[in-house]
C-alpha atoms as a PDB file:
ATOM      1  CA  MET A   1     -29.617  10.525 -10.397  1.00  0.00           C
ATOM      2  CA  ASP A   2     -28.086  11.962  -7.200  1.00  0.00           C
ATOM      3  CA  ASP A   3     -28.123  15.602  -8.318  1.00  0.00           C
ATOM      4  CA  HIS A   4     -30.440  16.479  -5.440  1.00  0.00           C
ATOM      5  CA  ILE A   5     -27.825  15.335  -2.883  1.00  0.00           C
ATOM      6  CA  GLU A   6     -25.120  17.817  -1.899  1.00  0.00           C
ATOM      7  CA  ASP A   7     -21.771  15.986  -1.651  1.00  0.00           C
ATOM      8  CA  VAL A   8     -19.955  17.872   1.114  1.00  0.00           C
ATOM      9  CA  GLN A   9     -16.568  16.418   0.194  1.00  0.00           C
ATOM     10  CA  VAL A  10     -16.903  17.461  -3.454  1.00  0.00           C
ATOM     11  CA  ALA A  11     -18.017  20.962  -2.455  1.00  0.00           C
ATOM     12  CA  LEU A  12     -15.031  21.407  -0.145  1.00  0.00           C
ATOM     13  CA  GLN A  13     -12.589  20.122  -2.748  1.00  0.00           C
ATOM     14  CA  ALA A  14     -14.035  22.592  -5.256  1.00  0.00           C
ATOM     15  CA  SER A  15     -13.795  25.427  -2.682  1.00  0.00           C
ATOM     16  CA  ARG A  16     -17.428  26.348  -3.212  1.00  0.00           C
ATOM     17  CA  PRO A  17     -20.072  27.139  -0.572  1.00  0.00           C
ATOM     18  CA  ILE A  18     -22.049  24.178   0.688  1.00  0.00           C
ATOM     19  CA  ARG A  19     -25.734  24.293  -0.213  1.00  0.00           C
ATOM     20  CA  GLU A  20     -28.063  25.620   2.466  1.00  0.00           C
ATOM     21  CA  HIS A  21     -30.520  22.721   2.263  1.00  0.00           C
ATOM     22  CA  GLY A  22     -30.021  18.944   2.294  1.00  0.00           C
ATOM     23  CA  PRO A  23     -29.793  16.135   1.869  1.00  0.00           C
ATOM     24  CA  TYR A  24     -26.000  15.918   2.261  1.00  0.00           C
ATOM     25  CA  ARG A  25     -23.577  13.135   1.419  1.00  0.00           C
ATOM     26  CA  VAL A  26     -20.846  12.607   4.019  1.00  0.00           C
ATOM     27  CA  GLN A  27     -18.216   9.927   4.634  1.00  0.00           C
ATOM     28  CA  ILE A  28     -18.397   7.642   7.676  1.00  0.00           C
ATOM     29  CA  GLY A  29     -15.361   5.572   8.616  1.00  0.00           C
ATOM     30  CA  ASN A  30     -14.214   2.977  11.126  1.00  0.00           C
ATOM     31  CA  GLU A  31     -11.075   2.566  13.240  1.00  0.00           C
ATOM     32  CA  ALA A  32      -9.114   1.393  10.183  1.00  0.00           C
ATOM     33  CA  LEU A  33      -9.982   4.701   8.466  1.00  0.00           C
ATOM     34  CA  GLN A  34     -12.055   2.868   5.855  1.00  0.00           C
ATOM     35  CA  PHE A  35     -14.839   5.208   4.727  1.00  0.00           C
ATOM     36  CA  ARG A  36     -18.207   4.744   3.048  1.00  0.00           C
ATOM     37  CA  ALA A  37     -20.788   7.268   1.883  1.00  0.00           C
ATOM     38  CA  ALA A  38     -23.925   8.070   3.905  1.00  0.00           C
ATOM     39  CA  VAL A  39     -26.697  10.627   3.438  1.00  0.00           C
ATOM     40  CA  ILE A  40     -27.934  13.011   6.147  1.00  0.00           C
ATOM     41  CA  ALA A  41     -31.008  15.200   5.579  1.00  0.00           C
ATOM     42  CA  ASP A  42     -30.426  17.681   8.411  1.00  0.00           C
ATOM     43  CA  PRO A  43     -27.826  20.425   7.765  1.00  0.00           C
ATOM     44  CA  VAL A  44     -27.178  20.592  11.528  1.00  0.00           C
ATOM     45  CA  PRO A  45     -27.181  16.954  12.677  1.00  0.00           C
ATOM     46  CA  THR A  46     -26.534  15.728  16.186  1.00  0.00           C
ATOM     47  CA  GLY A  47     -24.059  13.034  17.034  1.00  0.00           C
ATOM     48  CA  ARG A  48     -27.015  10.684  17.497  1.00  0.00           C
ATOM     49  CA  GLN A  49     -28.242  11.410  13.961  1.00  0.00           C
ATOM     50  CA  VAL A  50     -24.799  10.621  12.528  1.00  0.00           C
ATOM     51  CA  LEU A  51     -24.764   7.308  14.423  1.00  0.00           C
ATOM     52  CA  GLU A  52     -28.254   6.507  13.152  1.00  0.00           C
ATOM     53  CA  VAL A  53     -27.325   7.010   9.479  1.00  0.00           C
ATOM     54  CA  ALA A  54     -24.173   4.973  10.143  1.00  0.00           C
ATOM     55  CA  GLY A  55     -26.522   2.097  10.950  1.00  0.00           C
ATOM     56  CA  VAL A  56     -24.859   1.067  14.220  1.00  0.00           C
ATOM     57  CA  GLN A  57     -26.809  -0.546  17.038  1.00  0.00           C
ATOM     58  CA  PRO A  58     -27.274   0.189  19.807  1.00  0.00           C
ATOM     59  CA  VAL A  59     -26.486   3.872  19.332  1.00  0.00           C
ATOM     60  CA  SER A  60     -25.822   4.319  23.059  1.00  0.00           C
ATOM     61  CA  GLU A  61     -22.771   2.025  22.873  1.00  0.00           C
ATOM     62  CA  HIS A  62     -21.010   3.961  20.109  1.00  0.00           C
ATOM     63  CA  LEU A  63     -18.919   7.124  19.833  1.00  0.00           C
ATOM     64  CA  VAL A  64     -18.696   9.449  16.833  1.00  0.00           C
ATOM     65  CA  PHE A  65     -15.854  11.816  15.981  1.00  0.00           C
ATOM     66  CA  GLN A  66     -15.620  14.590  13.413  1.00  0.00           C
ATOM     67  CA  VAL A  67     -12.493  14.587  11.241  1.00  0.00           C
ATOM     68  CA  LEU A  68     -11.548  18.260  11.241  1.00  0.00           C
ATOM     69  CA  VAL A  69      -9.956  20.126   8.341  1.00  0.00           C
ATOM     70  CA  ASN A  70      -6.559  20.021  10.079  1.00  0.00           C
ATOM     71  CA  GLY A  71      -6.774  16.216  10.381  1.00  0.00           C
ATOM     72  CA  LEU A  72      -7.469  16.168  14.112  1.00  0.00           C
ATOM     73  CA  LEU A  73     -10.452  14.379  15.630  1.00  0.00           C
ATOM     74  CA  GLU A  74     -13.161  15.927  17.796  1.00  0.00           C
ATOM     75  CA  GLU A  75     -15.817  13.912  19.589  1.00  0.00           C
ATOM     76  CA  LEU A  76     -19.418  14.781  18.730  1.00  0.00           C
ATOM     77  CA  ARG A  77     -21.628  13.937  21.712  1.00  0.00           C
ATOM     78  CA  PRO A  78     -25.082  12.421  21.073  1.00  0.00           C
ATOM     79  CA  ASP A  79     -26.915  15.691  21.844  1.00  0.00           C
ATOM     80  CA  GLU A  80     -24.241  17.969  20.323  1.00  0.00           C
ATOM     81  CA  THR A  81     -24.696  19.387  16.824  1.00  0.00           C
ATOM     82  CA  THR A  82     -22.385  20.222  13.939  1.00  0.00           C
ATOM     83  CA  ASP A  83     -23.218  22.443  10.982  1.00  0.00           C
ATOM     84  CA  LEU A  84     -22.335  20.658   7.747  1.00  0.00           C
ATOM     85  CA  ARG A  85     -22.573  23.949   5.853  1.00  0.00           C
ATOM     86  CA  ALA A  86     -20.029  25.848   7.908  1.00  0.00           C
ATOM     87  CA  ALA A  87     -17.760  23.448   9.799  1.00  0.00           C
ATOM     88  CA  GLY A  88     -15.937  22.097   6.751  1.00  0.00           C
ATOM     89  CA  VAL A  89     -16.474  18.577   8.065  1.00  0.00           C
ATOM     90  CA  GLU A  90     -17.320  15.886   5.569  1.00  0.00           C
ATOM     91  CA  ARG A  91     -15.926  12.833   7.385  1.00  0.00           C
ATOM     92  CA  PHE A  92     -16.886  11.119  10.633  1.00  0.00           C
ATOM     93  CA  LEU A  93     -15.411   8.161  12.512  1.00  0.00           C
ATOM     94  CA  VAL A  94     -17.623   5.754  14.469  1.00  0.00           C
ATOM     95  CA  PHE A  95     -16.389   3.422  17.217  1.00  0.00           C
ATOM     96  CA  ARG A  96     -18.078   0.869  19.425  1.00  0.00           C
ATOM     97  CA  ASN A  97     -16.773   1.921  22.811  1.00  0.00           C
ATOM     98  CA  ASP A  98     -17.855   3.726  25.974  1.00  0.00           C
ATOM     99  CA  ARG A  99     -14.852   6.046  26.293  1.00  0.00           C
ATOM    100  CA  SER A 100     -12.183   7.718  24.207  1.00  0.00           C
ATOM    101  CA  PHE A 101      -8.395   7.747  24.494  1.00  0.00           C
ATOM    102  CA  ARG A 102      -5.847  10.499  23.944  1.00  0.00           C
ATOM    103  CA  PHE A 103      -2.404  10.180  22.418  1.00  0.00           C
ATOM    104  CA  ASP A 104       0.282  12.456  21.011  1.00  0.00           C
ATOM    105  CA  LEU A 105       1.312  11.896  17.391  1.00  0.00           C
ATOM    106  CA  ASP A 106       4.120  14.019  15.960  1.00  0.00           C
ATOM    107  CA  GLY A 107       3.412  16.714  18.539  1.00  0.00           C
ATOM    108  CA  ARG A 108      -0.366  16.860  18.010  1.00  0.00           C
ATOM    109  CA  MET A 109      -2.948  15.507  20.439  1.00  0.00           C
ATOM    110  CA  PHE A 110      -5.549  13.112  19.020  1.00  0.00           C
ATOM    111  CA  GLU A 111      -8.760  11.725  20.513  1.00  0.00           C
ATOM    112  CA  TRP A 112      -9.490   8.121  19.502  1.00  0.00           C
ATOM    113  CA  GLY A 113     -12.597   6.073  20.122  1.00  0.00           C
ATOM    114  CA  GLY A 114     -11.066   2.610  19.877  1.00  0.00           C
ATOM    115  CA  THR A 115      -9.100   0.715  22.507  1.00  0.00           C
ATOM    116  CA  ARG A 116      -6.502  -0.266  19.922  1.00  0.00           C
ATOM    117  CA  ILE A 117      -4.914   1.458  16.947  1.00  0.00           C
ATOM    118  CA  SER A 118      -2.710   0.031  14.194  1.00  0.00           C
ATOM    119  CA  GLY A 119       0.601   1.346  12.933  1.00  0.00           C
ATOM    120  CA  MET A 120      -0.960   1.888   9.512  1.00  0.00           C
ATOM    121  CA  THR A 121      -3.776   3.987  11.011  1.00  0.00           C
ATOM    122  CA  LEU A 122      -1.286   6.105  12.945  1.00  0.00           C
ATOM    123  CA  LYS A 123       0.583   6.823   9.707  1.00  0.00           C
ATOM    124  CA  LYS A 124      -2.662   7.754   7.947  1.00  0.00           C
ATOM    125  CA  LEU A 125      -3.542  10.152  10.766  1.00  0.00           C
ATOM    126  CA  ALA A 126      -0.063  11.681  10.525  1.00  0.00           C
ATOM    127  CA  ALA A 127      -0.525  12.089   6.739  1.00  0.00           C
ATOM    128  CA  VAL A 128       2.920  10.674   5.903  1.00  0.00           C
ATOM    129  CA  ASP A 129       3.995   8.497   2.993  1.00  0.00           C
ATOM    130  CA  LEU A 130       2.696   5.043   3.926  1.00  0.00           C
ATOM    131  CA  THR A 131       5.405   3.196   1.982  1.00  0.00           C
ATOM    132  CA  THR A 132       8.533   5.031   3.126  1.00  0.00           C
ATOM    133  CA  HIS A 133       7.654   5.992   6.712  1.00  0.00           C
ATOM    134  CA  GLY A 134       7.361   4.104   9.944  1.00  0.00           C
ATOM    135  CA  VAL A 135       5.882   4.930  13.343  1.00  0.00           C
ATOM    136  CA  TRP A 136       7.377   4.434  16.800  1.00  0.00           C
ATOM    137  CA  LEU A 137       6.241   4.638  20.421  1.00  0.00           C
ATOM    138  CA  ASP A 138       8.387   7.188  22.252  1.00  0.00           C
ATOM    139  CA  ALA A 139      10.048   5.398  25.163  1.00  0.00           C
ATOM    140  CA  PRO A 140      11.964   8.073  27.145  1.00  0.00           C
ATOM    141  CA  ARG A 141      13.636   5.531  29.423  1.00  0.00           C
ATOM    142  CA  GLY A 142      14.547   2.998  26.781  1.00  0.00           C
ATOM    143  CA  GLU A 143      14.751   2.265  23.089  1.00  0.00           C
ATOM    144  CA  ASP A 144      11.834   3.590  21.011  1.00  0.00           C
ATOM    145  CA  ILE A 145       9.441   0.812  19.983  1.00  0.00           C
ATOM    146  CA  PRO A 146       8.455   0.424  16.300  1.00  0.00           C
ATOM    147  CA  ILE A 147       4.741  -0.176  15.632  1.00  0.00           C
ATOM    148  CA  ALA A 148       4.222  -2.415  12.596  1.00  0.00           C
ATOM    149  CA  ASP A 149       1.558  -1.543  10.028  1.00  0.00           C
ATOM    150  CA  ASN A 150      -0.636  -4.485  11.074  1.00  0.00           C
ATOM    151  CA  GLU A 151       0.184  -4.305  14.784  1.00  0.00           C
ATOM    152  CA  LEU A 152      -2.644  -3.221  17.119  1.00  0.00           C
ATOM    153  CA  PHE A 153      -1.345  -1.046  19.928  1.00  0.00           C
ATOM    154  CA  ASP A 154      -3.365  -1.033  23.170  1.00  0.00           C
ATOM    155  CA  LEU A 155      -4.236   2.534  24.228  1.00  0.00           C
ATOM    156  CA  SER A 156      -6.005   1.541  27.438  1.00  0.00           C
ATOM    157  CA  ALA A 157      -2.958   1.812  29.722  1.00  0.00           C
ATOM    158  CA  PRO A 158      -2.937   4.853  32.060  1.00  0.00           C
ATOM    159  CA  GLY A 159      -1.503   8.039  30.586  1.00  0.00           C
ATOM    160  CA  ALA A 160      -1.307   9.416  27.053  1.00  0.00           C
ATOM    161  CA  GLU A 161       1.125   7.649  24.739  1.00  0.00           C
ATOM    162  CA  ARG A 162       3.506   9.582  22.507  1.00  0.00           C
ATOM    163  CA  PHE A 163       4.068   8.355  18.952  1.00  0.00           C
ATOM    164  CA  PHE A 164       6.273   9.790  16.232  1.00  0.00           C
ATOM    165  CA  THR A 165       6.758   9.039  12.554  1.00  0.00           C
ATOM    166  CA  GLY A 166       9.856   9.187  10.402  1.00  0.00           C
ATOM    167  CA  ALA A 167      11.482   7.866   7.267  1.00  0.00           C
ATOM    168  CA  ARG A 168      11.747   4.127   7.679  1.00  0.00           C
ATOM    169  CA  LYS A 169      15.320   2.921   7.232  1.00  0.00           C
ATOM    170  CA  ILE A 170      16.060  -0.592   6.072  1.00  0.00           C
ATOM    171  CA  THR A 171      19.665  -1.767   6.166  1.00  0.00           C
ATOM    172  CA  ILE A 172      20.731  -4.134   3.402  1.00  0.00           C
ATOM    173  CA  ILE A 173      24.153  -5.463   2.470  1.00  0.00           C
ATOM    174  CA  VAL A 174      25.312  -4.833  -1.108  1.00  0.00           C
ATOM    175  CA  ASN A 175      28.636  -6.379  -2.127  1.00  0.00           C
ATOM    176  CA  GLY A 176      29.632  -6.605   1.507  1.00  0.00           C
ATOM    177  CA  ARG A 177      28.777  -3.008   2.406  1.00  0.00           C
ATOM    178  CA  PRO A 178      25.765  -1.872   4.476  1.00  0.00           C
ATOM    179  CA  LYS A 179      23.334   0.455   2.677  1.00  0.00           C
ATOM    180  CA  GLU A 180      20.376   2.285   4.257  1.00  0.00           C
ATOM    181  CA  VAL A 181      17.226   2.723   2.123  1.00  0.00           C
ATOM    182  CA  THR A 182      13.705   3.962   2.850  1.00  0.00           C
ATOM    183  CA  GLN A 183      11.888   2.000   0.144  1.00  0.00           C
ATOM    184  CA  THR A 184      10.260  -1.321   0.938  1.00  0.00           C
ATOM    185  CA  ARG A 185      11.010  -2.548  -2.616  1.00  0.00           C
ATOM    186  CA  LEU A 186      13.983  -2.040  -4.932  1.00  0.00           C
ATOM    187  CA  SER A 187      14.182  -2.544  -8.677  1.00  0.00           C
ATOM    188  CA  PHE A 188      17.007  -4.335 -10.477  1.00  0.00           C
ATOM    189  CA  LEU A 189      18.576  -1.043 -11.578  1.00  0.00           C
ATOM    190  CA  GLU A 190      18.266   0.509  -8.100  1.00  0.00           C
ATOM    191  CA  VAL A 191      20.171  -2.434  -6.583  1.00  0.00           C
ATOM    192  CA  VAL A 192      22.810  -2.246  -9.320  1.00  0.00           C
ATOM    193  CA  ARG A 193      23.361   1.465  -8.674  1.00  0.00           C
ATOM    194  CA  LEU A 194      23.833   0.862  -4.968  1.00  0.00           C
ATOM    195  CA  ALA A 195      26.862  -1.225  -5.977  1.00  0.00           C
ATOM    196  CA  PHE A 196      27.901   0.804  -9.028  1.00  0.00           C
ATOM    197  CA  PRO A 197      26.533   4.379  -8.738  1.00  0.00           C
ATOM    198  CA  ASP A 198      27.327   5.263 -12.377  1.00  0.00           C
ATOM    199  CA  ALA A 199      25.950   2.029 -13.818  1.00  0.00           C
ATOM    200  CA  VAL A 200      24.239   2.222 -17.186  1.00  0.00           C
ATOM    201  CA  ILE A 201      22.574  -0.749 -18.852  1.00  0.00           C
ATOM    202  CA  ASN A 202      23.936  -0.918 -22.406  1.00  0.00           C
ATOM    203  CA  GLU A 203      25.259  -3.286 -25.068  1.00  0.00           C
ATOM    204  CA  THR A 204      28.735  -3.529 -23.576  1.00  0.00           C
ATOM    205  CA  THR A 205      28.077  -4.044 -19.858  1.00  0.00           C
ATOM    206  CA  ALA A 206      25.781  -6.534 -18.163  1.00  0.00           C
ATOM    207  CA  TYR A 207      24.971  -6.896 -14.466  1.00  0.00           C
ATOM    208  CA  THR A 208      23.980  -9.913 -12.430  1.00  0.00           C
ATOM    209  CA  VAL A 209      22.090  -9.530  -9.140  1.00  0.00           C
ATOM    210  CA  THR A 210      21.585 -12.327  -6.633  1.00  0.00           C
ATOM    211  CA  PHE A 211      20.243 -12.102  -3.085  1.00  0.00           C
ATOM    212  CA  LYS A 212      19.721 -14.109   0.117  1.00  0.00           C
ATOM    213  CA  ARG A 213      18.154 -13.601   3.569  1.00  0.00           C
ATOM    214  CA  GLY A 214      15.115 -12.055   1.917  1.00  0.00           C
ATOM    215  CA  PRO A 215      11.475 -12.047   3.093  1.00  0.00           C
ATOM    216  CA  VAL A 216       9.727 -15.352   3.690  1.00  0.00           C
ATOM    217  CA  GLU A 217       7.941 -15.390   0.325  1.00  0.00           C
ATOM    218  CA  ARG A 218      11.266 -15.084  -1.534  1.00  0.00           C
ATOM    219  CA  PRO A 219      14.246 -15.646   0.767  1.00  0.00           C
ATOM    220  CA  GLU A 220      16.816 -16.011  -2.010  1.00  0.00           C
ATOM    221  CA  GLY A 221      17.163 -15.868  -5.766  1.00  0.00           C
ATOM    222  CA  SER A 222      18.231 -13.636  -8.626  1.00  0.00           C
ATOM    223  CA  LEU A 223      16.891 -10.343  -9.917  1.00  0.00           C
ATOM    224  CA  GLY A 224      16.581  -9.606 -13.619  1.00  0.00           C
ATOM    225  CA  GLU A 225      16.139  -6.440 -15.616  1.00  0.00           C
ATOM    226  CA  GLY A 226      12.678  -4.938 -15.088  1.00  0.00           C
ATOM    227  CA  GLU A 227      12.099  -6.907 -11.880  1.00  0.00           C
ATOM    228  CA  SER A 228      11.881  -5.699  -8.297  1.00  0.00           C
ATOM    229  CA  VAL A 229      12.018  -7.385  -4.916  1.00  0.00           C
ATOM    230  CA  ARG A 230      10.563  -6.652  -1.475  1.00  0.00           C
ATOM    231  CA  LEU A 231      13.213  -5.874   1.130  1.00  0.00           C
ATOM    232  CA  LYS A 232      13.936  -7.216   4.566  1.00  0.00           C
ATOM    233  CA  ASN A 233      16.311  -5.754   7.130  1.00  0.00           C
ATOM    234  CA  GLY A 234      19.684  -7.497   6.781  1.00  0.00           C
ATOM    235  CA  MET A 235      18.998  -8.762   3.240  1.00  0.00           C
ATOM    236  CA  VAL A 236      22.212  -9.514   1.307  1.00  0.00           C
ATOM    237  CA  PHE A 237      22.775  -8.652  -2.367  1.00  0.00           C
ATOM    238  CA  ASN A 238      25.670  -9.548  -4.618  1.00  0.00           C
ATOM    239  CA  VAL A 239      26.043  -7.501  -7.807  1.00  0.00           C
ATOM    240  CA  THR A 240      28.605  -8.320 -10.487  1.00  0.00           C
ATOM    241  CA  ALA A 241      29.431  -6.494 -13.705  1.00  0.00           C
ATOM    242  CA  THR A 242      30.425  -8.262 -16.916  1.00  0.00           C
ATOM    243  CA  ASP A 243      32.058  -6.636 -19.921  1.00  0.00           C
ATOM    244  CA  LYS A 244      30.268  -8.104 -22.955  1.00  0.00           C
ATOM    245  CA  SER A 245      32.797  -6.674 -25.392  1.00  0.00           C
END
């Protein structure tokens, strides 16, 4: 029923030319990078037209950014136009704010329309694995500051902040020895192999896994075959092997 609408995202993914005439389906997101579809008739819309189809009011109190092919953001002023057929832009971000903020993320400069930004959003902008990576504020004169996924960092302070991402390391204790992992969850077998690297589950050998100092929803307990558990820094595991023969 929507065959008359040109989906810009689909066209780009298929590496085919975008149709010369509209209407066009684009994606409009918020500061959490949550997107929804919207339809624009004009192939060369202004920033004001994008804000109007986004349904925000009043338009004068909002900013709109294009999400470029390289992942960077570029503000689209109310009277400035973008060509949906040629720019390769199918996503826009809309913010309620009167000014934008700049920050450095993994060596690339970003413009952002919100006063605050979450750790999760920073990781999405950096295009890293959301489960294994973390993000930190670069503090040249002190210890770098981790930004939690649900933490909202205030960008309004003077100057441009520098953030960087990297593999998140969680230190757990397995049979009295510290182990560094990047996963936020470990399965029964993964824990066993941290204690016994050559472990194989078979008819002659059984393993028992217990833990303590875990996350608040499950601070202690046992782990059975086929189960997994969410990790917490400093979590303690005890793994024992039993010869069933």
